[in-house]
Amino acid sequence: MIIEVLHIDDCPSWGEAGNRLRAALDATGFGDAKINYRVLRTTDEVAGVPFAGSPTILLDGEDLFPGSARTPDLACRVYATERGLAGMPSNSQFIEALAPHGR
């Protein structure tokens, strides 16, 4: 399992998204999984990855939350959560997204 958080420096949500992802990994039996963080600084870097805004969470190279279009811009991402729009998925959304990959 390869987990990567793609983000930009100006995005305020990527750090907390990583914390929620770690908690969800622990809760779903993936506590030993390593999270890799990659900051994207140029549009050329964005063009080379499946980036849908910051933070984009990839699991084995695929967006863990598909449905948002890729963007060529250094932009923040908005997620639809049970409490409305937010800069990252909720804890329960992370757990739900990881559940199909369970052991």
C-alpha atoms as a PDB file:
ATOM      1  CA  MET A   1       0.000   0.000   0.000  1.00  0.00           C
ATOM      2  CA  ILE A   2       1.483   3.325  -1.095  1.00  0.00           C
ATOM      3  CA  ILE A   3      -0.185   6.389   0.386  1.00  0.00           C
ATOM      4  CA  GLU A   4       0.703   9.872  -0.728  1.00  0.00           C
ATOM      5  CA  VAL A   5      -0.664  13.279   0.220  1.00  0.00           C
ATOM      6  CA  LEU A   6      -0.141  15.760  -2.612  1.00  0.00           C
ATOM      7  CA  HIS A   7      -0.334  19.353  -1.465  1.00  0.00           C
ATOM      8  CA  ILE A   8       0.758  22.919  -2.065  1.00  0.00           C
ATOM      9  CA  ASP A   9       2.490  25.166   0.459  1.00  0.00           C
ATOM     10  CA  ASP A  10      -0.388  27.647   0.568  1.00  0.00           C
ATOM     11  CA  CYS A  11      -3.034  25.050   1.451  1.00  0.00           C
ATOM     12  CA  PRO A  12      -3.933  25.244   5.149  1.00  0.00           C
ATOM     13  CA  SER A  13      -5.655  21.829   5.197  1.00  0.00           C
ATOM     14  CA  TRP A  14      -2.982  19.333   4.235  1.00  0.00           C
ATOM     15  CA  GLY A  15      -1.473  18.889   7.716  1.00  0.00           C
ATOM     16  CA  GLU A  16      -4.761  18.122   9.438  1.00  0.00           C
ATOM     17  CA  ALA A  17      -5.774  15.927   6.489  1.00  0.00           C
ATOM     18  CA  GLY A  18      -2.630  13.903   7.161  1.00  0.00           C
ATOM     19  CA  ASN A  19      -3.557  13.615  10.842  1.00  0.00           C
ATOM     20  CA  ARG A  20      -7.050  12.386   9.966  1.00  0.00           C
ATOM     21  CA  LEU A  21      -5.624   9.966   7.419  1.00  0.00           C
ATOM     22  CA  ARG A  22      -3.229   8.540  10.037  1.00  0.00           C
ATOM     23  CA  ALA A  23      -6.102   8.088  12.518  1.00  0.00           C
ATOM     24  CA  ALA A  24      -8.195   6.349   9.842  1.00  0.00           C
ATOM     25  CA  LEU A  25      -5.301   4.072   8.880  1.00  0.00           C
ATOM     26  CA  ASP A  26      -4.897   3.107  12.533  1.00  0.00           C
ATOM     27  CA  ALA A  27      -8.654   2.509  12.883  1.00  0.00           C
ATOM     28  CA  THR A  28      -8.850   0.289   9.790  1.00  0.00           C
ATOM     29  CA  GLY A  29      -5.891  -1.970  10.551  1.00  0.00           C
ATOM     30  CA  PHE A  30      -3.327  -0.154   8.427  1.00  0.00           C
ATOM     31  CA  GLY A  31      -1.414   1.369  11.323  1.00  0.00           C
ATOM     32  CA  ASP A  32       1.895   0.264   9.839  1.00  0.00           C
ATOM     33  CA  ALA A  33       1.274   2.128   6.562  1.00  0.00           C
ATOM     34  CA  LYS A  34       3.598   5.030   5.854  1.00  0.00           C
ATOM     35  CA  ILE A  35       2.187   8.310   4.596  1.00  0.00           C
ATOM     36  CA  ASN A  36       4.356  10.123   2.056  1.00  0.00           C
ATOM     37  CA  TYR A  37       3.884  13.862   1.681  1.00  0.00           C
ATOM     38  CA  ARG A  38       4.760  15.615  -1.560  1.00  0.00           C
ATOM     39  CA  VAL A  39       4.625  19.365  -1.969  1.00  0.00           C
ATOM     40  CA  LEU A  40       3.878  20.532  -5.502  1.00  0.00           C
ATOM     41  CA  ARG A  41       5.475  23.864  -6.344  1.00  0.00           C
ATOM     42  CA  THR A  42       5.076  24.233 -10.095  1.00  0.00           C
ATOM     43  CA  THR A  43       2.429  23.561 -12.714  1.00  0.00           C
ATOM     44  CA  ASP A  44       4.876  21.113 -14.334  1.00  0.00           C
ATOM     45  CA  GLU A  45       4.880  19.058 -11.121  1.00  0.00           C
ATOM     46  CA  VAL A  46       1.067  19.192 -11.005  1.00  0.00           C
ATOM     47  CA  ALA A  47       0.842  18.006 -14.612  1.00  0.00           C
ATOM     48  CA  GLY A  48       2.748  14.834 -13.769  1.00  0.00           C
ATOM     49  CA  VAL A  49       0.370  13.526 -11.092  1.00  0.00           C
ATOM     50  CA  PRO A  50      -3.380  12.929 -10.640  1.00  0.00           C
ATOM     51  CA  PHE A  51      -3.865  16.178  -8.714  1.00  0.00           C
ATOM     52  CA  ALA A  52      -7.381  17.443  -7.964  1.00  0.00           C
ATOM     53  CA  GLY A  53      -6.317  20.238  -5.635  1.00  0.00           C
ATOM     54  CA  SER A  54      -4.584  20.328  -2.291  1.00  0.00           C
ATOM     55  CA  PRO A  55      -4.739  18.005  -0.498  1.00  0.00           C
ATOM     56  CA  THR A  56      -5.158  15.085  -2.880  1.00  0.00           C
ATOM     57  CA  ILE A  57      -4.766  11.723  -1.175  1.00  0.00           C
ATOM     58  CA  LEU A  58      -3.521   8.902  -3.365  1.00  0.00           C
ATOM     59  CA  LEU A  59      -3.706   5.209  -2.543  1.00  0.00           C
ATOM     60  CA  ASP A  60      -1.520   3.151  -4.865  1.00  0.00           C
ATOM     61  CA  GLY A  61      -1.532   6.058  -7.315  1.00  0.00           C
ATOM     62  CA  GLU A  62      -5.323   6.494  -7.386  1.00  0.00           C
ATOM     63  CA  ASP A  63      -7.299   9.320  -5.803  1.00  0.00           C
ATOM     64  CA  LEU A  64      -8.820   7.979  -2.582  1.00  0.00           C
ATOM     65  CA  PHE A  65     -11.747  10.371  -3.171  1.00  0.00           C
ATOM     66  CA  PRO A  66     -12.489  10.165  -6.900  1.00  0.00           C
ATOM     67  CA  GLY A  67     -15.040  12.456  -8.438  1.00  0.00           C
ATOM     68  CA  SER A  68     -13.178  15.736  -8.471  1.00  0.00           C
ATOM     69  CA  ALA A  69     -11.653  16.730 -11.770  1.00  0.00           C
ATOM     70  CA  ARG A  70      -7.916  17.021 -12.099  1.00  0.00           C
ATOM     71  CA  THR A  71      -6.611  20.542 -12.060  1.00  0.00           C
ATOM     72  CA  PRO A  72      -3.534  21.993 -13.748  1.00  0.00           C
ATOM     73  CA  ASP A  73      -3.422  24.743 -11.107  1.00  0.00           C
ATOM     74  CA  LEU A  74      -1.692  25.077  -7.750  1.00  0.00           C
ATOM     75  CA  ALA A  75      -5.044  25.202  -5.969  1.00  0.00           C
ATOM     76  CA  CYS A  76      -6.774  24.076  -2.805  1.00  0.00           C
ATOM     77  CA  ARG A  77      -9.372  21.321  -2.968  1.00  0.00           C
ATOM     78  CA  VAL A  78     -12.859  21.366  -1.486  1.00  0.00           C
ATOM     79  CA  TYR A  79     -14.530  18.203  -0.217  1.00  0.00           C
ATOM     80  CA  ALA A  80     -18.252  17.673   0.344  1.00  0.00           C
ATOM     81  CA  THR A  81     -18.591  16.388   3.915  1.00  0.00           C
ATOM     82  CA  GLU A  82     -21.536  15.581   6.147  1.00  0.00           C
ATOM     83  CA  ARG A  83     -21.094  19.067   7.671  1.00  0.00           C
ATOM     84  CA  GLY A  84     -20.834  20.891   4.359  1.00  0.00           C
ATOM     85  CA  LEU A  85     -17.883  21.890   2.223  1.00  0.00           C
ATOM     86  CA  ALA A  86     -14.460  21.568   3.831  1.00  0.00           C
ATOM     87  CA  GLY A  87     -10.786  21.614   2.940  1.00  0.00           C
ATOM     88  CA  MET A  88     -10.386  17.918   3.755  1.00  0.00           C
ATOM     89  CA  PRO A  89     -12.478  14.781   4.200  1.00  0.00           C
ATOM     90  CA  SER A  90     -13.996  14.058   7.592  1.00  0.00           C
ATOM     91  CA  ASN A  91     -12.671  11.286   9.824  1.00  0.00           C
ATOM     92  CA  SER A  92     -15.589   9.049   8.882  1.00  0.00           C
ATOM     93  CA  GLN A  93     -15.037   9.671   5.161  1.00  0.00           C
ATOM     94  CA  PHE A  94     -11.406   8.593   5.485  1.00  0.00           C
ATOM     95  CA  ILE A  95     -12.453   5.404   7.288  1.00  0.00           C
ATOM     96  CA  GLU A  96     -15.159   4.690   4.709  1.00  0.00           C
ATOM     97  CA  ALA A  97     -12.739   5.222   1.814  1.00  0.00           C
ATOM     98  CA  LEU A  98     -10.131   2.906   3.337  1.00  0.00           C
ATOM     99  CA  ALA A  99     -12.564   0.138   4.349  1.00  0.00           C
ATOM    100  CA  PRO A 100     -12.716  -1.587   0.918  1.00  0.00           C
ATOM    101  CA  HIS A 101      -8.937  -1.988   1.066  1.00  0.00           C
ATOM    102  CA  GLY A 102      -9.130  -3.775   4.438  1.00  0.00           C
ATOM    103  CA  ARG A 103      -7.192  -6.857   5.278  1.00  0.00           C
END
